[in-house]
Amino acid sequence: MRALLVVNPKATTTSARTRDVLTHALRSDLKLEVAHTQYRGHARDLARQAAEEGAVDLVVALGGDGTVNEVVNGLLAHGPGERLPRLAVVPGGSTNVFARALGLPNHPVEATGVLLDALEHRRERPIGLGKAMTEGLPDRWFTFTAGLGFDAGVVGRVEEQRRAGRKSTHALYVGQALRHYVTEREHRRAGQVTLEIPGRAPTPGLVLTIVSNTSPWTFLGNRPVYPSPLASFDTDLDVFGITRMTAFGTARTVRQILRSHTPSDDDAAPAAPGGKHVVSYHDVRHFTLVSQEPAPFQVDGDHLGDRSRVSFTGVRRALRVIV
């Protein structure tokens, strides 16, 4: 099988030596070309070129969720299609939500072993993706989440800290979330965002809106976070929102979305969070988020600036993934 390995040399949890070992292992089963990213968006450009030229059967992303998102957007630059290269992922970031949602180990060496076994036994699956459309930006595909409002504001704060030299850690995210909660007192009590779903009455006053394409939404270390526990790669999109973030209500919701889940529970998903100020929708194909004032916007943990209106679409069977 002809394959392109797209490597992010700045991946958080892999060293140059580890990446060399993984490359050697993949070369044992693949006719492999290796490309290292050199700038933001380079993984997207490499994957788009691979899809347009039709020279490879598989694109492997070695990096974190940002690298995976770029590769996906490159592969789907001209939309889904049966002739697109397959996608595979070797996790190398700090969280690796997409890879872990696919059931891959969080360790890159172990995940490479799973990938080689999947190639040998020809295991692959189709997955649905989300697409976000907003004025001033190209359409953006996302693999696991998008958001407008509070959560995207936290992502923006984390990116500022990383540009200042801070390492991306779960503690950094938690710390910035607490800071954002304290400083955004006015907006957390009177939300600016309205959810518009065709055929339903609008839902105004949202402080926080999380769009999920799979579950969990993210991880805190090894602990999964479940705002939309029924979200799946096999359905359309789920939306979770909060209309008011009081100290008591927010603490209650956080406890709900952090509830433990183990295989001994007969693989039943955790119950969806509920409460007076909680809004939740499952398996929605099309919807729009509209903000009275420009609000922070993010996809797959990538802050894309402030936006007033973002439309979302769930696209089933958008890509095939080796897993």
C-alpha atoms as a PDB file:
ATOM      1  CA  MET A   1       0.000   0.000   0.000  1.00  0.00           C
ATOM      2  CA  ARG A   2       1.304   3.465  -0.936  1.00  0.00           C
ATOM      3  CA  ALA A   3       1.197   5.820   2.034  1.00  0.00           C
ATOM      4  CA  LEU A   4       2.143   9.348   3.082  1.00  0.00           C
ATOM      5  CA  LEU A   5       3.217   9.867   6.690  1.00  0.00           C
ATOM      6  CA  VAL A   6       2.634  13.471   7.755  1.00  0.00           C
ATOM      7  CA  VAL A   7       4.805  14.164  10.809  1.00  0.00           C
ATOM      8  CA  ASN A   8       4.494  17.124  13.127  1.00  0.00           C
ATOM      9  CA  PRO A   9       8.084  17.438  14.474  1.00  0.00           C
ATOM     10  CA  LYS A  10       6.759  19.587  17.343  1.00  0.00           C
ATOM     11  CA  ALA A  11       4.316  16.925  18.538  1.00  0.00           C
ATOM     12  CA  THR A  12       4.137  17.147  22.314  1.00  0.00           C
ATOM     13  CA  THR A  13       4.688  13.532  23.339  1.00  0.00           C
ATOM     14  CA  THR A  14       7.093  12.149  20.734  1.00  0.00           C
ATOM     15  CA  SER A  15      10.846  12.608  20.430  1.00  0.00           C
ATOM     16  CA  ALA A  16      12.861  12.500  17.192  1.00  0.00           C
ATOM     17  CA  ARG A  17      14.074   9.027  18.147  1.00  0.00           C
ATOM     18  CA  THR A  18      10.526   7.770  18.751  1.00  0.00           C
ATOM     19  CA  ARG A  19       9.375   9.180  15.414  1.00  0.00           C
ATOM     20  CA  ASP A  20      12.260   7.408  13.654  1.00  0.00           C
ATOM     21  CA  VAL A  21      11.266   4.098  15.268  1.00  0.00           C
ATOM     22  CA  LEU A  22       7.625   4.561  14.247  1.00  0.00           C
ATOM     23  CA  THR A  23       8.617   5.449  10.689  1.00  0.00           C
ATOM     24  CA  HIS A  24      10.800   2.341  10.433  1.00  0.00           C
ATOM     25  CA  ALA A  25       7.952   0.171  11.728  1.00  0.00           C
ATOM     26  CA  LEU A  26       5.474   1.582   9.216  1.00  0.00           C
ATOM     27  CA  ARG A  27       7.961   1.134   6.363  1.00  0.00           C
ATOM     28  CA  SER A  28       7.960  -2.606   7.085  1.00  0.00           C
ATOM     29  CA  ASP A  29       4.371  -2.830   5.786  1.00  0.00           C
ATOM     30  CA  LEU A  30       3.962   0.249   3.593  1.00  0.00           C
ATOM     31  CA  LYS A  31       5.547   1.910   0.597  1.00  0.00           C
ATOM     32  CA  LEU A  32       6.033   5.018   2.688  1.00  0.00           C
ATOM     33  CA  GLU A  33       6.804   8.635   1.879  1.00  0.00           C
ATOM     34  CA  VAL A  34       7.510  10.872   4.882  1.00  0.00           C
ATOM     35  CA  ALA A  35       6.844  14.619   5.070  1.00  0.00           C
ATOM     36  CA  HIS A  36       7.566  16.844   8.085  1.00  0.00           C
ATOM     37  CA  THR A  37       5.379  19.878   8.597  1.00  0.00           C
ATOM     38  CA  GLN A  38       7.152  23.235   8.504  1.00  0.00           C
ATOM     39  CA  TYR A  39       4.389  25.771   9.131  1.00  0.00           C
ATOM     40  CA  ARG A  40       0.820  26.031  10.352  1.00  0.00           C
ATOM     41  CA  GLY A  41      -1.447  24.572   7.660  1.00  0.00           C
ATOM     42  CA  HIS A  42       1.338  22.525   6.055  1.00  0.00           C
ATOM     43  CA  ALA A  43      -0.306  19.199   7.001  1.00  0.00           C
ATOM     44  CA  ARG A  44      -3.463  20.376   5.231  1.00  0.00           C
ATOM     45  CA  ASP A  45      -1.500  21.301   2.109  1.00  0.00           C
ATOM     46  CA  LEU A  46       0.310  17.959   2.059  1.00  0.00           C
ATOM     47  CA  ALA A  47      -2.908  15.971   2.440  1.00  0.00           C
ATOM     48  CA  ARG A  48      -4.710  18.034  -0.193  1.00  0.00           C
ATOM     49  CA  GLN A  49      -1.889  17.431  -2.665  1.00  0.00           C
ATOM     50  CA  ALA A  50      -1.986  13.699  -1.913  1.00  0.00           C
ATOM     51  CA  ALA A  51      -5.739  13.587  -2.521  1.00  0.00           C
ATOM     52  CA  GLU A  52      -5.546  15.623  -5.732  1.00  0.00           C
ATOM     53  CA  GLU A  53      -2.672  13.638  -7.243  1.00  0.00           C
ATOM     54  CA  GLY A  54      -4.081  10.236  -6.280  1.00  0.00           C
ATOM     55  CA  ALA A  55      -0.563   8.914  -5.701  1.00  0.00           C
ATOM     56  CA  VAL A  56      -1.206   7.332  -2.295  1.00  0.00           C
ATOM     57  CA  ASP A  57      -3.829   5.016  -0.808  1.00  0.00           C
ATOM     58  CA  LEU A  58      -3.358   6.119   2.789  1.00  0.00           C
ATOM     59  CA  VAL A  59      -2.386   9.267   4.711  1.00  0.00           C
ATOM     60  CA  VAL A  60      -1.082   8.754   8.245  1.00  0.00           C
ATOM     61  CA  ALA A  61      -1.130  11.727  10.633  1.00  0.00           C
ATOM     62  CA  LEU A  62       1.545  11.604  13.357  1.00  0.00           C
ATOM     63  CA  GLY A  63       0.791  14.395  15.784  1.00  0.00           C
ATOM     64  CA  GLY A  64      -1.953  15.822  17.950  1.00  0.00           C
ATOM     65  CA  ASP A  65      -5.539  16.774  17.190  1.00  0.00           C
ATOM     66  CA  GLY A  66      -4.423  19.919  15.348  1.00  0.00           C
ATOM     67  CA  THR A  67      -2.338  17.879  12.905  1.00  0.00           C
ATOM     68  CA  VAL A  68      -5.197  15.433  12.393  1.00  0.00           C
ATOM     69  CA  ASN A  69      -7.622  18.294  11.725  1.00  0.00           C
ATOM     70  CA  GLU A  70      -5.307  19.784   9.106  1.00  0.00           C
ATOM     71  CA  VAL A  71      -4.898  16.413   7.368  1.00  0.00           C
ATOM     72  CA  VAL A  72      -8.672  15.864   7.338  1.00  0.00           C
ATOM     73  CA  ASN A  73      -9.277  19.313   5.863  1.00  0.00           C
ATOM     74  CA  GLY A  74      -6.667  18.639   3.190  1.00  0.00           C
ATOM     75  CA  LEU A  75      -8.177  15.290   2.248  1.00  0.00           C
ATOM     76  CA  LEU A  76     -11.656  16.842   2.062  1.00  0.00           C
ATOM     77  CA  ALA A  77     -10.632  20.045   0.269  1.00  0.00           C
ATOM     78  CA  HIS A  78     -12.949  19.033  -2.595  1.00  0.00           C
ATOM     79  CA  GLY A  79     -15.456  17.119  -0.483  1.00  0.00           C
ATOM     80  CA  PRO A  80     -15.945  13.420   0.319  1.00  0.00           C
ATOM     81  CA  GLY A  81     -15.486  10.740  -2.316  1.00  0.00           C
ATOM     82  CA  GLU A  82     -14.811   7.022  -2.650  1.00  0.00           C
ATOM     83  CA  ARG A  83     -11.418   7.613  -4.249  1.00  0.00           C
ATOM     84  CA  LEU A  84      -9.996   9.607  -1.371  1.00  0.00           C
ATOM     85  CA  PRO A  85      -7.007   8.100   0.463  1.00  0.00           C
ATOM     86  CA  ARG A  86      -7.803   6.367   3.736  1.00  0.00           C
ATOM     87  CA  LEU A  87      -6.848   8.118   6.982  1.00  0.00           C
ATOM     88  CA  ALA A  88      -4.825   6.671   9.850  1.00  0.00           C
ATOM     89  CA  VAL A  89      -3.674   8.337  13.062  1.00  0.00           C
ATOM     90  CA  VAL A  90      -0.677   7.871  15.351  1.00  0.00           C
ATOM     91  CA  PRO A  91      -1.305  10.067  18.430  1.00  0.00           C
ATOM     92  CA  GLY A  92       1.490  12.452  19.369  1.00  0.00           C
ATOM     93  CA  GLY A  93      -0.262  15.330  21.112  1.00  0.00           C
ATOM     94  CA  SER A  94      -1.131  16.102  24.701  1.00  0.00           C
ATOM     95  CA  THR A  95      -4.780  14.963  24.547  1.00  0.00           C
ATOM     96  CA  ASN A  96      -5.393  13.053  21.260  1.00  0.00           C
ATOM     97  CA  VAL A  97      -9.191  13.132  21.537  1.00  0.00           C
ATOM     98  CA  PHE A  98      -9.859  11.886  17.998  1.00  0.00           C
ATOM     99  CA  ALA A  99      -7.475   8.925  18.207  1.00  0.00           C
ATOM    100  CA  ARG A 100      -8.777   7.878  21.608  1.00  0.00           C
ATOM    101  CA  ALA A 101     -12.397   8.211  20.468  1.00  0.00           C
ATOM    102  CA  LEU A 102     -11.522   5.723  17.717  1.00  0.00           C
ATOM    103  CA  GLY A 103     -10.362   3.319  20.422  1.00  0.00           C
ATOM    104  CA  LEU A 104      -6.631   3.698  19.760  1.00  0.00           C
ATOM    105  CA  PRO A 105      -4.090   3.558  22.598  1.00  0.00           C
ATOM    106  CA  ASN A 106      -2.827   6.954  23.693  1.00  0.00           C
ATOM    107  CA  HIS A 107       0.813   5.828  23.387  1.00  0.00           C
ATOM    108  CA  PRO A 108       2.247   6.319  19.869  1.00  0.00           C
ATOM    109  CA  VAL A 109       4.195   3.031  19.819  1.00  0.00           C
ATOM    110  CA  GLU A 110       1.187   0.996  20.947  1.00  0.00           C
ATOM    111  CA  ALA A 111      -1.046   2.846  18.480  1.00  0.00           C
ATOM    112  CA  THR A 112       1.400   2.042  15.664  1.00  0.00           C
ATOM    113  CA  GLY A 113       1.125  -1.643  16.576  1.00  0.00           C
ATOM    114  CA  VAL A 114      -2.672  -1.422  16.350  1.00  0.00           C
ATOM    115  CA  LEU A 115      -2.385   0.352  12.994  1.00  0.00           C
ATOM    116  CA  LEU A 116      -0.085  -2.325  11.549  1.00  0.00           C
ATOM    117  CA  ASP A 117      -2.472  -5.041  12.745  1.00  0.00           C
ATOM    118  CA  ALA A 118      -5.416  -3.185  11.184  1.00  0.00           C
ATOM    119  CA  LEU A 119      -3.544  -2.936   7.874  1.00  0.00           C
ATOM    120  CA  GLU A 120      -2.713  -6.640   7.954  1.00  0.00           C
ATOM    121  CA  HIS A 121      -6.346  -7.597   8.578  1.00  0.00           C
ATOM    122  CA  ARG A 122      -7.776  -4.830   6.352  1.00  0.00           C
ATOM    123  CA  ARG A 123      -9.779  -3.222   9.166  1.00  0.00           C
ATOM    124  CA  GLU A 124     -11.327   0.135   8.358  1.00  0.00           C
ATOM    125  CA  ARG A 125     -14.488   2.030   9.162  1.00  0.00           C
ATOM    126  CA  PRO A 126     -16.386   4.998   7.745  1.00  0.00           C
ATOM    127  CA  ILE A 127     -16.797   7.981  10.049  1.00  0.00           C
ATOM    128  CA  GLY A 128     -19.013  11.018   9.978  1.00  0.00           C
ATOM    129  CA  LEU A 129     -17.547  14.494  10.422  1.00  0.00           C
ATOM    130  CA  GLY A 130     -18.803  17.968  11.157  1.00  0.00           C
ATOM    131  CA  LYS A 131     -18.460  20.986   8.886  1.00  0.00           C
ATOM    132  CA  ALA A 132     -18.525  24.588  10.098  1.00  0.00           C
ATOM    133  CA  MET A 133     -19.316  27.454   7.729  1.00  0.00           C
ATOM    134  CA  THR A 134     -18.826  31.119   8.642  1.00  0.00           C
ATOM    135  CA  GLU A 135     -18.277  34.352   6.759  1.00  0.00           C
ATOM    136  CA  GLY A 136     -14.648  35.281   6.270  1.00  0.00           C
ATOM    137  CA  LEU A 137     -13.230  31.761   6.622  1.00  0.00           C
ATOM    138  CA  PRO A 138     -13.117  28.700   4.354  1.00  0.00           C
ATOM    139  CA  ASP A 139     -15.460  25.894   5.367  1.00  0.00           C
ATOM    140  CA  ARG A 140     -13.786  23.949   8.161  1.00  0.00           C
ATOM    141  CA  TRP A 141     -14.187  20.225   8.826  1.00  0.00           C
ATOM    142  CA  PHE A 142     -13.858  18.986  12.383  1.00  0.00           C
ATOM    143  CA  THR A 143     -13.388  15.512  13.787  1.00  0.00           C
ATOM    144  CA  PHE A 144     -14.679  15.769  17.348  1.00  0.00           C
ATOM    145  CA  THR A 145     -15.765  19.248  18.461  1.00  0.00           C
ATOM    146  CA  ALA A 146     -16.501  22.880  17.697  1.00  0.00           C
ATOM    147  CA  GLY A 147     -17.763  25.680  19.879  1.00  0.00           C
ATOM    148  CA  LEU A 148     -18.880  29.303  19.988  1.00  0.00           C
ATOM    149  CA  GLY A 149     -18.677  31.222  23.243  1.00  0.00           C
ATOM    150  CA  PHE A 150     -17.177  30.299  26.610  1.00  0.00           C
ATOM    151  CA  ASP A 151     -15.310  27.088  25.690  1.00  0.00           C
ATOM    152  CA  ALA A 152     -13.773  28.702  22.616  1.00  0.00           C
ATOM    153  CA  GLY A 153     -12.687  31.609  24.813  1.00  0.00           C
ATOM    154  CA  VAL A 154     -10.792  29.153  27.011  1.00  0.00           C
ATOM    155  CA  VAL A 155      -9.116  27.683  23.910  1.00  0.00           C
ATOM    156  CA  GLY A 156      -8.077  31.184  22.875  1.00  0.00           C
ATOM    157  CA  ARG A 157      -6.534  31.836  26.290  1.00  0.00           C
ATOM    158  CA  VAL A 158      -4.603  28.567  26.134  1.00  0.00           C
ATOM    159  CA  GLU A 159      -3.240  29.439  22.684  1.00  0.00           C
ATOM    160  CA  GLU A 160      -2.047  32.803  24.022  1.00  0.00           C
ATOM    161  CA  GLN A 161      -0.209  31.017  26.820  1.00  0.00           C
ATOM    162  CA  ARG A 162       1.368  28.559  24.381  1.00  0.00           C
ATOM    163  CA  ARG A 163       2.596  31.412  22.173  1.00  0.00           C
ATOM    164  CA  ALA A 164       4.192  32.843  25.310  1.00  0.00           C
ATOM    165  CA  GLY A 165       6.126  29.620  25.792  1.00  0.00           C
ATOM    166  CA  ARG A 166       3.863  27.612  28.116  1.00  0.00           C
ATOM    167  CA  LYS A 167       3.595  23.873  27.468  1.00  0.00           C
ATOM    168  CA  SER A 168       0.161  22.486  26.623  1.00  0.00           C
ATOM    169  CA  THR A 169      -0.985  20.497  29.648  1.00  0.00           C
ATOM    170  CA  HIS A 170      -4.309  19.600  31.212  1.00  0.00           C
ATOM    171  CA  ALA A 171      -3.419  21.849  34.157  1.00  0.00           C
ATOM    172  CA  LEU A 172      -3.001  24.771  31.757  1.00  0.00           C
ATOM    173  CA  TYR A 173      -6.512  24.208  30.337  1.00  0.00           C
ATOM    174  CA  VAL A 174      -8.092  23.923  33.783  1.00  0.00           C
ATOM    175  CA  GLY A 175      -6.281  27.025  35.012  1.00  0.00           C
ATOM    176  CA  GLN A 176      -7.324  29.097  32.005  1.00  0.00           C
ATOM    177  CA  ALA A 177     -10.926  27.845  32.291  1.00  0.00           C
ATOM    178  CA  LEU A 178     -11.056  29.082  35.894  1.00  0.00           C
ATOM    179  CA  ARG A 179      -9.526  32.429  34.917  1.00  0.00           C
ATOM    180  CA  HIS A 180     -12.006  32.806  32.063  1.00  0.00           C
ATOM    181  CA  TYR A 181     -14.907  31.996  34.402  1.00  0.00           C
ATOM    182  CA  VAL A 182     -13.817  34.700  36.832  1.00  0.00           C
ATOM    183  CA  THR A 183     -13.170  37.419  34.232  1.00  0.00           C
ATOM    184  CA  GLU A 184     -16.262  36.779  32.060  1.00  0.00           C
ATOM    185  CA  ARG A 185     -18.748  37.464  34.874  1.00  0.00           C
ATOM    186  CA  GLU A 186     -21.189  39.492  32.772  1.00  0.00           C
ATOM    187  CA  HIS A 187     -21.345  37.132  29.783  1.00  0.00           C
ATOM    188  CA  ARG A 188     -21.679  33.986  31.873  1.00  0.00           C
ATOM    189  CA  ARG A 189     -24.915  35.333  33.351  1.00  0.00           C
ATOM    190  CA  ALA A 190     -26.463  36.675  30.150  1.00  0.00           C
ATOM    191  CA  GLY A 191     -25.488  34.597  27.140  1.00  0.00           C
ATOM    192  CA  GLN A 192     -25.194  36.198  23.706  1.00  0.00           C
ATOM    193  CA  VAL A 193     -25.623  33.102  21.516  1.00  0.00           C
ATOM    194  CA  THR A 194     -28.838  31.772  19.947  1.00  0.00           C
ATOM    195  CA  LEU A 195     -29.205  28.218  18.641  1.00  0.00           C
ATOM    196  CA  GLU A 196     -31.302  27.966  15.472  1.00  0.00           C
ATOM    197  CA  ILE A 197     -32.446  24.490  14.361  1.00  0.00           C
ATOM    198  CA  PRO A 198     -34.747  24.202  11.315  1.00  0.00           C
ATOM    199  CA  GLY A 199     -38.305  23.384  12.383  1.00  0.00           C
ATOM    200  CA  ARG A 200     -37.729  24.333  16.049  1.00  0.00           C
ATOM    201  CA  ALA A 201     -38.110  27.528  18.043  1.00  0.00           C
ATOM    202  CA  PRO A 202     -34.784  29.347  18.524  1.00  0.00           C
ATOM    203  CA  THR A 203     -32.967  28.840  21.837  1.00  0.00           C
ATOM    204  CA  PRO A 204     -31.504  32.202  22.938  1.00  0.00           C
ATOM    205  CA  GLY A 205     -29.211  33.235  25.777  1.00  0.00           C
ATOM    206  CA  LEU A 206     -26.533  30.555  25.511  1.00  0.00           C
ATOM    207  CA  VAL A 207     -23.301  31.280  27.375  1.00  0.00           C
ATOM    208  CA  LEU A 208     -21.574  28.083  26.309  1.00  0.00           C
ATOM    209  CA  THR A 209     -22.186  25.948  23.210  1.00  0.00           C
ATOM    210  CA  ILE A 210     -20.318  22.721  22.538  1.00  0.00           C
ATOM    211  CA  VAL A 211     -20.868  20.917  19.238  1.00  0.00           C
ATOM    212  CA  SER A 212     -19.811  17.257  19.400  1.00  0.00           C
ATOM    213  CA  ASN A 213     -19.158  14.814  16.575  1.00  0.00           C
ATOM    214  CA  THR A 214     -18.207  11.996  18.955  1.00  0.00           C
ATOM    215  CA  SER A 215     -17.972  11.205  22.629  1.00  0.00           C
ATOM    216  CA  PRO A 216     -16.074  11.911  24.852  1.00  0.00           C
ATOM    217  CA  TRP A 217     -15.775  15.607  24.082  1.00  0.00           C
ATOM    218  CA  THR A 218     -12.284  15.714  25.578  1.00  0.00           C
ATOM    219  CA  PHE A 219     -10.135  14.139  28.293  1.00  0.00           C
ATOM    220  CA  LEU A 220      -8.664  15.452  31.531  1.00  0.00           C
ATOM    221  CA  GLY A 221      -5.704  13.112  31.756  1.00  0.00           C
ATOM    222  CA  ASN A 222      -7.301   9.689  31.542  1.00  0.00           C
ATOM    223  CA  ARG A 223     -10.723  10.919  32.598  1.00  0.00           C
ATOM    224  CA  PRO A 224     -13.240  11.355  29.731  1.00  0.00           C
ATOM    225  CA  VAL A 225     -15.581  14.365  29.671  1.00  0.00           C
ATOM    226  CA  TYR A 226     -19.155  13.710  28.491  1.00  0.00           C
ATOM    227  CA  PRO A 227     -21.335  16.783  27.715  1.00  0.00           C
ATOM    228  CA  SER A 228     -23.016  14.830  24.861  1.00  0.00           C
ATOM    229  CA  PRO A 229     -22.608  11.127  25.709  1.00  0.00           C
ATOM    230  CA  LEU A 230     -24.667   9.883  22.741  1.00  0.00           C
ATOM    231  CA  ALA A 231     -22.566  11.692  20.124  1.00  0.00           C
ATOM    232  CA  SER A 232     -21.054   9.261  17.641  1.00  0.00           C
ATOM    233  CA  PHE A 233     -19.081   8.991  14.399  1.00  0.00           C
ATOM    234  CA  ASP A 234     -22.161   7.128  13.072  1.00  0.00           C
ATOM    235  CA  THR A 235     -24.696   9.926  13.680  1.00  0.00           C
ATOM    236  CA  ASP A 236     -24.937  13.629  12.897  1.00  0.00           C
ATOM    237  CA  LEU A 237     -23.962  16.318  15.411  1.00  0.00           C
ATOM    238  CA  ASP A 238     -24.883  16.852  19.058  1.00  0.00           C
ATOM    239  CA  VAL A 239     -25.229  20.251  20.729  1.00  0.00           C
ATOM    240  CA  PHE A 240     -24.775  20.983  24.434  1.00  0.00           C
ATOM    241  CA  GLY A 241     -25.395  24.451  25.820  1.00  0.00           C
ATOM    242  CA  ILE A 242     -25.711  26.358  29.084  1.00  0.00           C
ATOM    243  CA  THR A 243     -27.843  29.496  29.369  1.00  0.00           C
ATOM    244  CA  ARG A 244     -26.418  30.677  32.693  1.00  0.00           C
ATOM    245  CA  MET A 245     -23.199  29.761  34.510  1.00  0.00           C
ATOM    246  CA  THR A 246     -23.815  30.239  38.217  1.00  0.00           C
ATOM    247  CA  ALA A 247     -21.241  28.852  40.648  1.00  0.00           C
ATOM    248  CA  PHE A 248     -23.578  26.156  42.009  1.00  0.00           C
ATOM    249  CA  GLY A 249     -25.117  25.224  38.664  1.00  0.00           C
ATOM    250  CA  THR A 250     -21.755  25.090  36.885  1.00  0.00           C
ATOM    251  CA  ALA A 251     -20.260  22.881  39.616  1.00  0.00           C
ATOM    252  CA  ARG A 252     -23.248  20.536  39.319  1.00  0.00           C
ATOM    253  CA  THR A 253     -22.906  20.335  35.540  1.00  0.00           C
ATOM    254  CA  VAL A 254     -19.153  19.704  35.764  1.00  0.00           C
ATOM    255  CA  ARG A 255     -19.827  16.803  38.141  1.00  0.00           C
ATOM    256  CA  GLN A 256     -22.363  15.383  35.689  1.00  0.00           C
ATOM    257  CA  ILE A 257     -20.074  15.518  32.661  1.00  0.00           C
ATOM    258  CA  LEU A 258     -17.180  13.975  34.622  1.00  0.00           C
ATOM    259  CA  ARG A 259     -19.148  10.941  35.801  1.00  0.00           C
ATOM    260  CA  SER A 260     -17.095   7.774  35.481  1.00  0.00           C
ATOM    261  CA  HIS A 261     -17.846   5.175  32.831  1.00  0.00           C
ATOM    262  CA  THR A 262     -16.347   1.700  32.670  1.00  0.00           C
ATOM    263  CA  PRO A 263     -16.884  -1.385  30.461  1.00  0.00           C
ATOM    264  CA  SER A 264     -18.517  -3.072  33.459  1.00  0.00           C
ATOM    265  CA  ASP A 265     -21.472  -0.737  32.897  1.00  0.00           C
ATOM    266  CA  ASP A 266     -22.451  -2.914  29.886  1.00  0.00           C
ATOM    267  CA  ASP A 267     -20.977  -0.209  27.657  1.00  0.00           C
ATOM    268  CA  ALA A 268     -23.959   2.041  28.359  1.00  0.00           C
ATOM    269  CA  ALA A 269     -23.205   5.721  27.799  1.00  0.00           C
ATOM    270  CA  PRO A 270     -23.461   8.049  30.811  1.00  0.00           C
ATOM    271  CA  ALA A 271     -26.745   9.888  31.197  1.00  0.00           C
ATOM    272  CA  ALA A 272     -26.811  13.285  29.499  1.00  0.00           C
ATOM    273  CA  PRO A 273     -26.282  16.264  31.838  1.00  0.00           C
ATOM    274  CA  GLY A 274     -29.466  18.008  32.830  1.00  0.00           C
ATOM    275  CA  GLY A 275     -30.651  21.029  34.761  1.00  0.00           C
ATOM    276  CA  LYS A 276     -32.587  24.267  34.563  1.00  0.00           C
ATOM    277  CA  HIS A 277     -29.974  26.044  32.436  1.00  0.00           C
ATOM    278  CA  VAL A 278     -28.843  23.080  30.298  1.00  0.00           C
ATOM    279  CA  VAL A 279     -29.789  22.675  26.616  1.00  0.00           C
ATOM    280  CA  SER A 280     -29.083  19.415  24.781  1.00  0.00           C
ATOM    281  CA  TYR A 281     -29.833  18.059  21.298  1.00  0.00           C
ATOM    282  CA  HIS A 282     -28.762  14.742  19.748  1.00  0.00           C
ATOM    283  CA  ASP A 283     -28.174  13.760  16.098  1.00  0.00           C
ATOM    284  CA  VAL A 284     -28.878  17.104  14.382  1.00  0.00           C
ATOM    285  CA  ARG A 285     -27.997  17.455  10.683  1.00  0.00           C
ATOM    286  CA  HIS A 286     -28.121  21.257  10.234  1.00  0.00           C
ATOM    287  CA  PHE A 287     -28.159  24.172  12.695  1.00  0.00           C
ATOM    288  CA  THR A 288     -26.730  27.671  13.207  1.00  0.00           C
ATOM    289  CA  LEU A 289     -25.255  29.526  16.167  1.00  0.00           C
ATOM    290  CA  VAL A 290     -25.792  33.304  16.100  1.00  0.00           C
ATOM    291  CA  SER A 291     -24.145  35.691  18.576  1.00  0.00           C
ATOM    292  CA  GLN A 292     -25.334  39.223  19.343  1.00  0.00           C
ATOM    293  CA  GLU A 293     -21.678  40.240  19.533  1.00  0.00           C
ATOM    294  CA  PRO A 294     -18.688  38.482  17.924  1.00  0.00           C
ATOM    295  CA  ALA A 295     -17.802  35.531  20.162  1.00  0.00           C
ATOM    296  CA  PRO A 296     -14.778  33.200  20.279  1.00  0.00           C
ATOM    297  CA  PHE A 297     -14.989  30.293  17.833  1.00  0.00           C
ATOM    298  CA  GLN A 298     -12.994  27.044  17.815  1.00  0.00           C
ATOM    299  CA  VAL A 299     -12.852  23.738  15.956  1.00  0.00           C
ATOM    300  CA  ASP A 300     -10.965  20.697  17.284  1.00  0.00           C
ATOM    301  CA  GLY A 301      -9.196  22.913  19.802  1.00  0.00           C
ATOM    302  CA  ASP A 302      -8.042  25.460  17.211  1.00  0.00           C
ATOM    303  CA  HIS A 303      -9.117  29.043  17.987  1.00  0.00           C
ATOM    304  CA  LEU A 304     -10.341  30.776  14.814  1.00  0.00           C
ATOM    305  CA  GLY A 305     -11.081  34.240  16.145  1.00  0.00           C
ATOM    306  CA  ASP A 306     -14.408  35.876  16.985  1.00  0.00           C
ATOM    307  CA  ARG A 307     -17.481  35.214  14.854  1.00  0.00           C
ATOM    308  CA  SER A 308     -21.126  36.311  14.934  1.00  0.00           C
ATOM    309  CA  ARG A 309     -22.704  33.494  12.924  1.00  0.00           C
ATOM    310  CA  VAL A 310     -21.581  29.906  12.302  1.00  0.00           C
ATOM    311  CA  SER A 311     -23.606  27.235  10.494  1.00  0.00           C
ATOM    312  CA  PHE A 312     -22.963  23.538  11.090  1.00  0.00           C
ATOM    313  CA  THR A 313     -23.655  20.396   9.088  1.00  0.00           C
ATOM    314  CA  GLY A 314     -23.154  16.753  10.002  1.00  0.00           C
ATOM    315  CA  VAL A 315     -21.785  14.693   7.094  1.00  0.00           C
ATOM    316  CA  ARG A 316     -22.040  10.933   7.512  1.00  0.00           C
ATOM    317  CA  ARG A 317     -19.440   8.556   6.071  1.00  0.00           C
ATOM    318  CA  ALA A 318     -17.194  11.468   5.106  1.00  0.00           C
ATOM    319  CA  LEU A 319     -13.921   9.512   5.414  1.00  0.00           C
ATOM    320  CA  ARG A 320     -12.698   5.952   5.840  1.00  0.00           C
ATOM    321  CA  VAL A 321     -10.258   5.364   8.707  1.00  0.00           C
ATOM    322  CA  ILE A 322      -7.861   2.479   9.293  1.00  0.00           C
ATOM    323  CA  VAL A 323      -8.450   1.398  12.877  1.00  0.00           C
END
